[in-house]
Every structure is written in structure tokens, then in C-alpha cells.
N, C-alpha and C. Protein backbone atom coordinates (compact mmCIF):
# COMPACT_ATOMS: atom_id res chain seq x y z
N MET A 1 20.63 110.99 76.75
CA MET A 1 21.32 109.74 77.00
C MET A 1 22.82 109.87 76.70
N LYS A 2 23.16 110.60 75.59
CA LYS A 2 24.57 110.80 75.24
C LYS A 2 25.30 111.54 76.35
N LYS A 3 24.66 112.59 76.92
CA LYS A 3 25.31 113.35 77.98
C LYS A 3 25.58 112.48 79.20
N THR A 4 24.64 111.62 79.55
CA THR A 4 24.80 110.73 80.70
C THR A 4 25.97 109.79 80.47
N CYS A 5 26.05 109.21 79.27
CA CYS A 5 27.15 108.30 78.95
C CYS A 5 28.50 109.03 79.00
N CYS A 6 28.53 110.26 78.50
CA CYS A 6 29.77 111.05 78.54
C CYS A 6 30.21 111.30 79.97
N TRP A 7 29.28 111.69 80.82
CA TRP A 7 29.62 111.97 82.21
C TRP A 7 30.08 110.70 82.93
N ILE A 8 29.48 109.57 82.63
CA ILE A 8 29.90 108.31 83.24
C ILE A 8 31.32 107.97 82.78
N LEU A 9 31.60 108.16 81.49
CA LEU A 9 32.94 107.90 80.96
C LEU A 9 33.97 108.81 81.61
N VAL A 10 33.65 110.10 81.72
CA VAL A 10 34.56 111.06 82.37
C VAL A 10 34.80 110.65 83.82
N ALA A 11 33.74 110.29 84.53
CA ALA A 11 33.88 109.88 85.93
C ALA A 11 34.74 108.64 86.07
N LEU A 12 34.56 107.68 85.17
CA LEU A 12 35.38 106.46 85.22
C LEU A 12 36.85 106.77 84.94
N LEU A 13 37.10 107.63 83.95
CA LEU A 13 38.48 107.98 83.62
C LEU A 13 39.15 108.74 84.76
N LEU A 14 38.44 109.71 85.32
CA LEU A 14 39.03 110.49 86.42
C LEU A 14 39.18 109.66 87.67
N GLY A 15 38.25 108.76 87.93
CA GLY A 15 38.33 107.90 89.11
C GLY A 15 39.52 106.96 89.04
N GLY A 16 39.93 106.58 87.82
CA GLY A 16 41.07 105.68 87.67
C GLY A 16 42.40 106.41 87.63
N PHE A 17 42.38 107.72 87.55
CA PHE A 17 43.60 108.51 87.48
C PHE A 17 44.13 108.76 88.89
N ARG A 18 45.33 108.35 89.15
CA ARG A 18 45.96 108.55 90.45
C ARG A 18 47.36 109.12 90.24
N LEU A 19 47.72 110.09 91.06
CA LEU A 19 49.10 110.57 91.03
C LEU A 19 49.98 109.50 91.65
N PRO A 20 51.18 109.32 91.13
CA PRO A 20 52.07 108.35 91.75
C PRO A 20 52.41 108.79 93.17
N PRO A 21 52.57 107.83 94.09
CA PRO A 21 52.90 108.22 95.46
C PRO A 21 54.26 108.90 95.52
N ALA A 22 54.39 109.85 96.42
CA ALA A 22 55.67 110.53 96.60
C ALA A 22 56.67 109.53 97.19
N GLY A 23 57.90 109.62 96.75
CA GLY A 23 58.93 108.70 97.21
C GLY A 23 59.69 109.28 98.39
N GLY A 24 60.70 108.55 98.78
CA GLY A 24 61.46 108.94 99.96
C GLY A 24 62.85 109.45 99.64
N VAL A 25 63.43 110.08 100.65
CA VAL A 25 64.83 110.50 100.60
C VAL A 25 65.58 109.66 101.62
N SER A 26 66.48 108.81 101.13
CA SER A 26 67.30 107.96 102.00
C SER A 26 68.60 108.68 102.33
N VAL A 27 68.89 108.73 103.62
CA VAL A 27 70.09 109.41 104.10
C VAL A 27 71.01 108.37 104.71
N LYS A 28 72.19 108.20 104.11
CA LYS A 28 73.20 107.31 104.67
C LYS A 28 74.13 108.17 105.52
N ILE A 29 74.17 107.88 106.82
CA ILE A 29 75.00 108.64 107.77
C ILE A 29 76.24 107.82 108.08
N LYS A 30 77.41 108.38 107.78
CA LYS A 30 78.68 107.68 107.97
C LYS A 30 79.51 108.38 109.04
N GLY A 31 80.48 107.64 109.58
CA GLY A 31 81.44 108.22 110.51
C GLY A 31 80.91 108.41 111.92
N ILE A 32 79.92 107.62 112.31
CA ILE A 32 79.36 107.74 113.67
C ILE A 32 80.39 107.20 114.66
N GLU A 33 80.72 108.01 115.66
CA GLU A 33 81.70 107.61 116.67
C GLU A 33 80.98 107.19 117.94
N GLY A 34 81.11 105.92 118.30
CA GLY A 34 80.49 105.41 119.52
C GLY A 34 79.03 105.07 119.30
N ASN A 35 78.47 104.34 120.25
CA ASN A 35 77.07 103.93 120.12
C ASN A 35 76.18 104.52 121.21
N LYS A 36 76.67 105.54 121.90
CA LYS A 36 75.85 106.22 122.91
C LYS A 36 74.91 107.20 122.24
N GLY A 37 73.73 107.33 122.80
CA GLY A 37 72.82 108.38 122.35
C GLY A 37 71.98 108.01 121.15
N GLN A 38 71.67 109.03 120.36
CA GLN A 38 70.78 108.89 119.21
C GLN A 38 71.17 109.90 118.14
N LEU A 39 70.65 109.69 116.95
CA LEU A 39 70.84 110.66 115.87
C LEU A 39 69.54 111.44 115.69
N ALA A 40 69.67 112.75 115.59
CA ALA A 40 68.53 113.62 115.31
C ALA A 40 68.68 114.11 113.88
N LEU A 41 67.68 113.85 113.05
CA LEU A 41 67.70 114.25 111.65
C LEU A 41 66.58 115.24 111.39
N LEU A 42 66.89 116.27 110.63
CA LEU A 42 65.90 117.25 110.19
C LEU A 42 66.01 117.38 108.68
N ILE A 43 64.85 117.48 108.00
CA ILE A 43 64.85 117.75 106.57
C ILE A 43 64.03 119.01 106.33
N PHE A 44 64.63 119.93 105.59
CA PHE A 44 64.02 121.24 105.32
C PHE A 44 63.71 121.34 103.83
N ASN A 45 62.64 122.04 103.50
CA ASN A 45 62.32 122.30 102.09
C ASN A 45 62.46 123.78 101.75
N GLY A 46 63.20 124.51 102.59
CA GLY A 46 63.48 125.92 102.36
C GLY A 46 64.46 126.43 103.41
N ALA A 47 64.90 127.66 103.23
CA ALA A 47 65.92 128.23 104.10
C ALA A 47 65.40 128.62 105.49
N THR A 48 64.09 128.81 105.62
CA THR A 48 63.54 129.24 106.91
C THR A 48 63.80 128.19 107.97
N GLY A 49 64.52 128.59 109.02
CA GLY A 49 64.83 127.70 110.13
C GLY A 49 66.04 126.82 109.94
N PHE A 50 66.56 126.75 108.73
CA PHE A 50 67.72 125.91 108.47
C PHE A 50 68.95 126.50 109.14
N PRO A 51 69.79 125.76 109.82
CA PRO A 51 69.86 124.30 109.84
C PRO A 51 69.32 123.64 111.12
N SER A 52 68.88 124.40 112.10
CA SER A 52 68.64 123.75 113.40
C SER A 52 67.26 123.94 114.02
N ASP A 53 66.39 124.75 113.45
CA ASP A 53 65.08 124.99 114.07
C ASP A 53 64.13 123.85 113.70
N HIS A 54 64.00 122.89 114.60
CA HIS A 54 63.19 121.71 114.31
C HIS A 54 61.72 122.05 114.07
N THR A 55 61.26 123.20 114.57
CA THR A 55 59.86 123.58 114.35
C THR A 55 59.62 124.03 112.92
N LYS A 56 60.68 124.37 112.19
CA LYS A 56 60.56 124.80 110.79
C LYS A 56 60.91 123.68 109.81
N ALA A 57 61.38 122.55 110.33
CA ALA A 57 61.73 121.43 109.46
C ALA A 57 60.47 120.80 108.89
N MET A 58 60.59 120.27 107.68
CA MET A 58 59.46 119.59 107.06
C MET A 58 59.16 118.29 107.80
N LYS A 59 60.22 117.55 108.13
CA LYS A 59 60.09 116.31 108.90
C LYS A 59 61.31 116.19 109.79
N GLN A 60 61.16 115.39 110.86
CA GLN A 60 62.28 115.13 111.75
C GLN A 60 62.22 113.69 112.21
N ALA A 61 63.37 113.19 112.65
CA ALA A 61 63.43 111.81 113.14
C ALA A 61 64.51 111.70 114.20
N MET A 62 64.27 110.84 115.16
CA MET A 62 65.26 110.46 116.17
C MET A 62 65.46 108.96 116.01
N ILE A 63 66.70 108.55 115.77
CA ILE A 63 66.95 107.12 115.59
C ILE A 63 68.07 106.66 116.50
N PRO A 64 67.91 105.45 117.07
CA PRO A 64 68.96 104.91 117.93
C PRO A 64 70.19 104.56 117.11
N ILE A 65 71.33 104.58 117.75
CA ILE A 65 72.59 104.27 117.07
C ILE A 65 72.88 102.79 117.22
N SER A 66 73.22 102.18 116.09
CA SER A 66 73.52 100.74 116.12
C SER A 66 74.72 100.39 115.24
N GLY A 67 75.60 101.34 115.04
CA GLY A 67 76.78 101.08 114.23
C GLY A 67 77.43 102.37 113.80
N THR A 68 78.48 102.25 112.98
CA THR A 68 79.20 103.44 112.53
C THR A 68 78.57 104.05 111.28
N THR A 69 77.68 103.29 110.65
CA THR A 69 76.95 103.78 109.47
C THR A 69 75.48 103.38 109.63
N LEU A 70 74.58 104.32 109.38
CA LEU A 70 73.15 104.06 109.45
C LEU A 70 72.46 104.65 108.23
N ILE A 71 71.32 104.08 107.89
CA ILE A 71 70.50 104.63 106.80
C ILE A 71 69.11 104.90 107.35
N TYR A 72 68.63 106.10 107.09
CA TYR A 72 67.26 106.46 107.46
C TYR A 72 66.58 107.05 106.23
N THR A 73 65.31 106.69 106.03
CA THR A 73 64.57 107.21 104.89
C THR A 73 63.42 108.09 105.37
N PHE A 74 63.41 109.32 104.89
CA PHE A 74 62.26 110.20 105.08
C PHE A 74 61.24 109.79 104.03
N PRO A 75 60.10 109.23 104.43
CA PRO A 75 59.14 108.73 103.44
C PRO A 75 58.25 109.84 102.89
N ASP A 76 57.64 109.54 101.74
CA ASP A 76 56.55 110.34 101.18
C ASP A 76 56.87 111.83 101.03
N LEU A 77 57.93 112.14 100.32
CA LEU A 77 58.28 113.54 100.06
C LEU A 77 58.01 113.87 98.59
N PRO A 78 57.29 114.94 98.33
CA PRO A 78 57.07 115.33 96.94
C PRO A 78 58.36 115.84 96.31
N ALA A 79 58.39 115.89 95.00
CA ALA A 79 59.56 116.43 94.30
C ALA A 79 59.83 117.85 94.79
N GLY A 80 61.11 118.18 94.92
CA GLY A 80 61.47 119.51 95.36
C GLY A 80 62.92 119.60 95.76
N THR A 81 63.28 120.73 96.35
CA THR A 81 64.64 120.98 96.82
C THR A 81 64.65 120.87 98.34
N TYR A 82 65.60 120.10 98.86
CA TYR A 82 65.67 119.81 100.29
C TYR A 82 67.10 119.96 100.79
N ALA A 83 67.24 120.03 102.12
CA ALA A 83 68.54 119.97 102.80
C ALA A 83 68.32 119.22 104.10
N VAL A 84 69.34 118.44 104.50
CA VAL A 84 69.24 117.60 105.70
C VAL A 84 70.34 117.97 106.68
N THR A 85 69.99 117.97 107.97
CA THR A 85 70.99 118.11 109.03
C THR A 85 70.91 116.88 109.94
N VAL A 86 72.06 116.50 110.49
CA VAL A 86 72.15 115.37 111.41
C VAL A 86 72.96 115.79 112.62
N MET A 87 72.51 115.40 113.81
CA MET A 87 73.24 115.65 115.04
C MET A 87 73.34 114.34 115.81
N HIS A 88 74.53 114.02 116.29
CA HIS A 88 74.72 112.88 117.18
C HIS A 88 74.50 113.38 118.61
N ASP A 89 73.30 113.18 119.10
CA ASP A 89 72.92 113.61 120.45
C ASP A 89 73.38 112.53 121.44
N GLU A 90 74.64 112.61 121.83
CA GLU A 90 75.26 111.56 122.65
C GLU A 90 74.60 111.40 124.02
N ASN A 91 74.15 112.50 124.62
CA ASN A 91 73.57 112.43 125.96
C ASN A 91 72.04 112.50 125.95
N LYS A 92 71.44 112.43 124.79
CA LYS A 92 69.98 112.41 124.61
C LYS A 92 69.28 113.58 125.30
N ASN A 93 69.88 114.77 125.23
CA ASN A 93 69.23 115.94 125.83
C ASN A 93 68.50 116.78 124.78
N ASN A 94 68.44 116.28 123.55
CA ASN A 94 67.74 116.94 122.44
C ASN A 94 68.30 118.33 122.12
N THR A 95 69.57 118.53 122.43
CA THR A 95 70.23 119.82 122.19
C THR A 95 71.64 119.57 121.68
N LEU A 96 72.09 120.40 120.75
CA LEU A 96 73.47 120.32 120.31
C LEU A 96 74.33 120.99 121.36
N ASP A 97 75.14 120.21 122.04
CA ASP A 97 76.03 120.76 123.07
C ASP A 97 77.22 121.43 122.41
N THR A 98 77.53 122.64 122.88
CA THR A 98 78.66 123.41 122.35
C THR A 98 79.56 123.85 123.49
N ASN A 99 80.79 124.23 123.13
CA ASN A 99 81.70 124.75 124.15
C ASN A 99 81.45 126.25 124.31
N MET A 100 82.25 126.92 125.11
CA MET A 100 82.00 128.34 125.40
C MET A 100 82.18 129.25 124.18
N PHE A 101 82.78 128.72 123.11
CA PHE A 101 82.95 129.49 121.88
C PHE A 101 81.86 129.16 120.85
N GLY A 102 80.92 128.31 121.22
CA GLY A 102 79.85 127.92 120.31
C GLY A 102 80.20 126.81 119.35
N ILE A 103 81.35 126.17 119.56
CA ILE A 103 81.78 125.08 118.70
C ILE A 103 81.13 123.78 119.18
N PRO A 104 80.49 123.02 118.27
CA PRO A 104 79.81 121.79 118.68
C PRO A 104 80.73 120.80 119.36
N GLU A 105 80.22 120.18 120.43
CA GLU A 105 80.94 119.13 121.14
C GLU A 105 80.39 117.75 120.80
N GLU A 106 79.39 117.70 119.94
CA GLU A 106 78.81 116.44 119.48
C GLU A 106 78.91 116.42 117.95
N GLY A 107 78.83 115.24 117.39
CA GLY A 107 78.95 115.10 115.94
C GLY A 107 77.80 115.76 115.20
N ILE A 108 78.14 116.43 114.10
CA ILE A 108 77.12 117.05 113.25
C ILE A 108 77.45 116.78 111.79
N GLY A 109 76.43 116.89 110.96
CA GLY A 109 76.63 116.73 109.52
C GLY A 109 75.47 117.36 108.77
N VAL A 110 75.71 117.69 107.52
CA VAL A 110 74.70 118.29 106.65
C VAL A 110 74.81 117.66 105.27
N SER A 111 73.73 117.75 104.51
CA SER A 111 73.77 117.25 103.14
C SER A 111 74.84 117.99 102.35
N ASN A 112 75.39 117.30 101.38
CA ASN A 112 76.52 117.76 100.57
C ASN A 112 77.80 117.90 101.40
N ASP A 113 77.77 117.43 102.65
CA ASP A 113 78.93 117.57 103.56
C ASP A 113 79.47 119.00 103.52
N ALA A 114 78.56 119.96 103.55
CA ALA A 114 78.90 121.38 103.36
C ALA A 114 79.19 122.12 104.67
N LEU A 115 79.79 121.45 105.63
CA LEU A 115 80.14 122.14 106.89
C LEU A 115 81.25 123.16 106.64
N SER A 116 81.23 124.20 107.44
CA SER A 116 82.20 125.28 107.31
C SER A 116 82.88 125.50 108.65
N MET A 117 84.09 125.99 108.62
CA MET A 117 84.80 126.33 109.85
C MET A 117 84.28 127.64 110.45
N PHE A 118 83.53 128.40 109.66
CA PHE A 118 83.16 129.75 110.07
C PHE A 118 81.65 129.92 110.25
N GLY A 119 81.00 128.94 110.84
CA GLY A 119 79.57 129.05 111.11
C GLY A 119 78.76 128.06 110.30
N PRO A 120 77.47 128.06 110.55
CA PRO A 120 76.62 127.08 109.88
C PRO A 120 76.51 127.36 108.38
N PRO A 121 76.39 126.30 107.59
CA PRO A 121 76.25 126.47 106.15
C PRO A 121 74.85 126.98 105.80
N SER A 122 74.70 127.49 104.60
CA SER A 122 73.40 127.97 104.14
C SER A 122 72.58 126.81 103.56
N PHE A 123 71.29 127.04 103.45
CA PHE A 123 70.41 126.06 102.82
C PHE A 123 70.88 125.77 101.40
N ASN A 124 71.26 126.81 100.66
CA ASN A 124 71.70 126.61 99.26
C ASN A 124 72.93 125.74 99.17
N GLU A 125 73.86 125.87 100.11
CA GLU A 125 75.07 125.05 100.10
C GLU A 125 74.76 123.58 100.35
N CYS A 126 73.70 123.32 101.09
CA CYS A 126 73.35 121.95 101.49
C CYS A 126 72.24 121.34 100.65
N SER A 127 71.62 122.13 99.79
CA SER A 127 70.42 121.66 99.11
C SER A 127 70.73 120.66 98.00
N PHE A 128 69.73 119.82 97.74
CA PHE A 128 69.77 118.83 96.67
C PHE A 128 68.36 118.70 96.11
N ASN A 129 68.26 118.18 94.91
CA ASN A 129 66.96 118.00 94.27
C ASN A 129 66.47 116.58 94.48
N HIS A 130 65.21 116.45 94.86
CA HIS A 130 64.54 115.16 95.00
C HIS A 130 63.54 115.05 93.86
N ASN A 131 63.62 113.98 93.09
CA ASN A 131 62.79 113.84 91.89
C ASN A 131 61.36 113.39 92.17
N GLY A 132 61.05 113.09 93.42
CA GLY A 132 59.69 112.68 93.75
C GLY A 132 59.52 111.18 93.86
N SER A 133 60.47 110.41 93.31
CA SER A 133 60.33 108.96 93.43
C SER A 133 61.27 108.41 94.49
N SER A 134 62.57 108.57 94.32
CA SER A 134 63.49 108.14 95.36
C SER A 134 64.84 108.80 95.14
N THR A 135 65.41 109.25 96.24
CA THR A 135 66.70 109.94 96.21
C THR A 135 67.54 109.42 97.36
N SER A 136 68.84 109.23 97.11
CA SER A 136 69.77 108.80 98.15
C SER A 136 70.89 109.82 98.28
N ILE A 137 71.20 110.17 99.53
CA ILE A 137 72.32 111.08 99.80
C ILE A 137 73.18 110.47 100.89
N GLU A 138 74.40 110.98 101.04
CA GLU A 138 75.31 110.55 102.11
C GLU A 138 75.75 111.77 102.91
N ILE A 139 75.84 111.58 104.21
CA ILE A 139 76.33 112.62 105.11
C ILE A 139 77.39 111.97 106.01
N THR A 140 78.55 112.61 106.11
CA THR A 140 79.60 112.15 107.01
C THR A 140 79.62 113.07 108.23
N LEU A 141 79.48 112.48 109.42
CA LEU A 141 79.49 113.28 110.63
C LEU A 141 80.88 113.82 110.91
N ASP A 142 80.91 115.02 111.48
CA ASP A 142 82.15 115.68 111.87
C ASP A 142 82.11 115.87 113.37
N TYR A 143 83.17 115.45 114.05
CA TYR A 143 83.25 115.57 115.52
C TYR A 143 84.31 116.57 115.91
């Protein structure tokens, strides 16, 4: 009888134990020029595929433009290290348009505003820590 009571108590205690839900990462995008097109956001949890391979991103989003500043939240992300990229896809072709020298012709931005004149930034330069409950970052687009 004691063993049965112990197992019932253990089952009740474990059944009531829940991990807190993972929180979101809110991204405030500033400096949007014009209201044509959409914003493409990618969030990565490692260097593989960063900054532009959407198939390697942890999550992605396409959001319509409705002003010069927008906020988008990636929901339900566990604690960890992340980096975000944003592209203003003005013509909605799902591609970053570049000139003949490979320089972007559409607005782009990354977390920590870590853009470089000499090529794409690294994951480490753009990374930030998410505590698992809620994190807010800001990205300013560069045109």
C-alpha cells in the first residue's frame, strides 16, 4: 500500500511540473524607406547558413510594410544565442537584388547593426543572447 501511495504522489508531482513556455524575440526594424514590397526576416541559432540561406534559418517571416518602423516577434524560442537578418524585398521576388559588383540594391540589416563595407558579417558579430522568456532587439536598415 505504501508503494502505491508513493507512486501516486510521484505521478501527481510530475504531472503538475511544467517547463515555462519559451518566449519570443521581438525585432524592431527602423529606417524602412518606402512602403513597396515586404520585409523578409530570418533568425539563425548558429553560423550554418548565416546570413542568407533561408533553408538553414531556425525561423523565417515575410511581413508587409506599413510604415518606417515595424516590430515583428519570433514566437516560442528557447534560450540560446541567435542572429537576425532583414531584407526589404521591394519587388517581392524573394531575392536580394544586387548590382554587378554584388552590392545590395535593396535595404538590408542584421542584429547588432553589424553590417560591413567588405562583405557579409559573421554570425558572431550579429549574435545576441535570448534568455528564454523575452528579448527585444533593434535593427536599422541600410540602403
